[in-house]
């Protein structure tokens, strides 16, 4: 059974619901993620994790509002999984981040259109004149 299958059988998406509409919990989760970004084993996913962090931060602050709730839950669940040290493969053992990388890759694939919309909104925002 794959890591993604086991992830989907777990309660990660249910946990994500507890964070999705609670900006304080979401900000605390993002803080935990920031401390995880320096892990050597996550370096190949760092760009994707930074994009996810930015996306969630903009939702938590109300800066980005046009999001898809189902995709939001996928991204939050993946981040919860990454910051949790004891998941399918505990992060403390050498291959322990392989499952985390698999879940991040899956979440990016699942939410690719959503994240593309988010990136486009950032580009559009940069092109619009800002009020002074």
Protein backbone atom coordinates (compact mmCIF):
# COMPACT_ATOMS: atom_id res chain seq x y z
CA UNK A 1 0.00 0.00 0.00
CA UNK A 2 1.38 3.42 -0.92
CA UNK A 3 2.06 6.27 1.49
CA UNK A 4 -0.74 8.29 -0.15
CA UNK A 5 -3.25 5.46 0.32
CA UNK A 6 -2.32 5.16 3.99
CA UNK A 7 -2.46 8.96 4.33
CA UNK A 8 -5.96 9.03 2.85
CA UNK A 9 -7.08 6.28 5.22
CA UNK A 10 -5.86 8.32 8.17
CA UNK A 11 -7.64 11.32 9.63
CA UNK A 12 -5.33 13.95 8.11
CA UNK A 13 -8.09 15.64 6.09
CA UNK A 14 -10.30 15.62 9.20
CA UNK A 15 -7.53 17.32 11.16
CA UNK A 16 -7.18 19.85 8.36
CA UNK A 17 -10.79 20.95 8.90
CA UNK A 18 -9.86 22.06 12.42
CA UNK A 19 -7.30 24.48 10.95
CA UNK A 20 -9.01 25.64 7.76
CA UNK A 21 -11.33 28.20 9.28
CA UNK A 22 -9.32 29.11 12.35
CA UNK A 23 -6.71 31.73 11.37
CA UNK A 24 -4.88 31.41 14.72
CA UNK A 25 -4.46 27.64 14.36
CA UNK A 26 -3.44 28.07 10.73
CA UNK A 27 -0.81 30.67 11.66
CA UNK A 28 0.54 28.36 14.38
CA UNK A 29 0.77 25.55 11.84
CA UNK A 30 2.69 27.83 9.47
CA UNK A 31 5.10 28.67 12.26
CA UNK A 32 5.71 24.96 12.81
CA UNK A 33 6.27 24.52 9.08
CA UNK A 34 8.83 27.32 9.04
CA UNK A 35 10.90 25.45 11.61
CA UNK A 36 10.72 22.26 9.51
CA UNK A 37 11.91 23.86 6.29
CA UNK A 38 15.56 23.57 7.29
CA UNK A 39 15.42 19.75 7.49
CA UNK A 40 17.94 18.30 5.05
CA UNK A 41 15.58 15.58 3.90
CA UNK A 42 12.97 18.13 2.82
CA UNK A 43 15.29 20.22 0.65
CA UNK A 44 13.93 18.73 -2.59
CA UNK A 45 10.41 19.83 -1.61
CA UNK A 46 11.37 23.22 -0.17
CA UNK A 47 10.09 25.26 -3.13
CA UNK A 48 6.71 23.50 -3.00
CA UNK A 49 6.51 23.85 0.78
CA UNK A 50 7.27 27.57 0.51
CA UNK A 51 4.50 27.96 -2.06
CA UNK A 52 2.09 26.09 0.22
CA UNK A 53 3.15 28.25 3.16
CA UNK A 54 2.60 31.45 1.19
CA UNK A 55 -0.80 30.22 -0.01
CA UNK A 56 -1.94 29.33 3.50
CA UNK A 57 -0.55 32.54 4.96
CA UNK A 58 -2.47 34.65 2.46
CA UNK A 59 -5.65 32.73 3.25
CA UNK A 60 -5.11 33.08 7.02
CA UNK A 61 -4.65 36.85 6.68
CA UNK A 62 -7.57 37.25 4.26
CA UNK A 63 -5.32 38.40 1.44
CA UNK A 64 -6.36 35.50 -0.82
CA UNK A 65 -10.07 34.75 -0.84
CA UNK A 66 -10.82 32.92 -4.09
CA UNK A 67 -9.70 29.51 -2.91
CA UNK A 68 -11.16 26.04 -3.39
CA UNK A 69 -12.00 24.63 0.05
CA UNK A 70 -11.32 21.01 -0.92
CA UNK A 71 -7.86 21.89 -2.23
CA UNK A 72 -7.22 24.02 0.83
CA UNK A 73 -7.90 20.98 3.02
CA UNK A 74 -5.51 18.85 0.94
CA UNK A 75 -2.73 21.39 1.41
CA UNK A 76 -3.37 21.85 5.13
CA UNK A 77 -3.48 18.07 5.65
CA UNK A 78 -0.14 17.69 3.86
CA UNK A 79 1.44 20.42 6.00
CA UNK A 80 0.09 18.85 9.21
CA UNK A 81 1.60 15.57 8.07
CA UNK A 82 4.99 17.19 7.40
CA UNK A 83 5.19 18.92 10.78
CA UNK A 84 4.08 15.79 12.67
CA UNK A 85 7.25 13.89 13.68
CA UNK A 86 5.47 10.55 14.17
CA UNK A 87 3.55 9.65 11.05
CA UNK A 88 3.73 6.60 8.76
CA UNK A 89 7.54 6.60 8.96
CA UNK A 90 8.80 8.45 12.03
CA UNK A 91 10.98 11.37 10.94
CA UNK A 92 13.65 10.40 13.44
CA UNK A 93 14.81 7.35 11.48
CA UNK A 94 16.93 7.86 8.32
CA UNK A 95 14.30 7.17 5.61
CA UNK A 96 11.65 8.91 7.73
CA UNK A 97 11.09 11.85 5.40
CA UNK A 98 10.36 9.73 2.33
CA UNK A 99 6.69 9.54 3.28
CA UNK A 100 6.59 13.30 3.89
CA UNK A 101 8.04 13.96 0.44
CA UNK A 102 5.49 11.59 -1.10
CA UNK A 103 2.60 13.37 0.60
CA UNK A 104 3.89 16.83 -0.43
CA UNK A 105 4.26 15.66 -4.06
CA UNK A 106 0.74 14.21 -3.99
CA UNK A 107 -0.73 17.40 -2.48
CA UNK A 108 1.00 19.57 -5.08
CA UNK A 109 -0.40 17.35 -7.84
CA UNK A 110 -3.90 17.34 -6.30
CA UNK A 111 -3.93 21.11 -5.82
CA UNK A 112 -1.90 22.12 -8.90
CA UNK A 113 -4.72 24.10 -10.53
CA UNK A 114 -5.55 25.81 -7.24
CA UNK A 115 -1.92 26.77 -6.64
CA UNK A 116 -1.62 28.00 -10.22
CA UNK A 117 -4.67 30.23 -9.67
CA UNK A 118 -3.04 31.52 -6.52
CA UNK A 119 0.24 32.29 -8.31
CA UNK A 120 -1.70 34.06 -11.08
CA UNK A 121 -3.49 36.18 -8.49
CA UNK A 122 -0.10 37.25 -7.14
CA UNK A 123 1.07 38.22 -10.63
CA UNK A 124 -2.15 40.14 -11.26
CA UNK A 125 -1.77 41.93 -7.93
CA UNK A 126 1.77 43.01 -8.86
CA UNK A 127 0.54 44.47 -12.16
CA UNK A 128 -2.27 46.51 -10.62
CA UNK A 129 -1.40 49.99 -9.35
CA UNK A 130 -1.30 50.15 -5.58
CA UNK A 131 -3.18 52.87 -3.75
CA UNK A 132 -1.03 55.28 -1.81
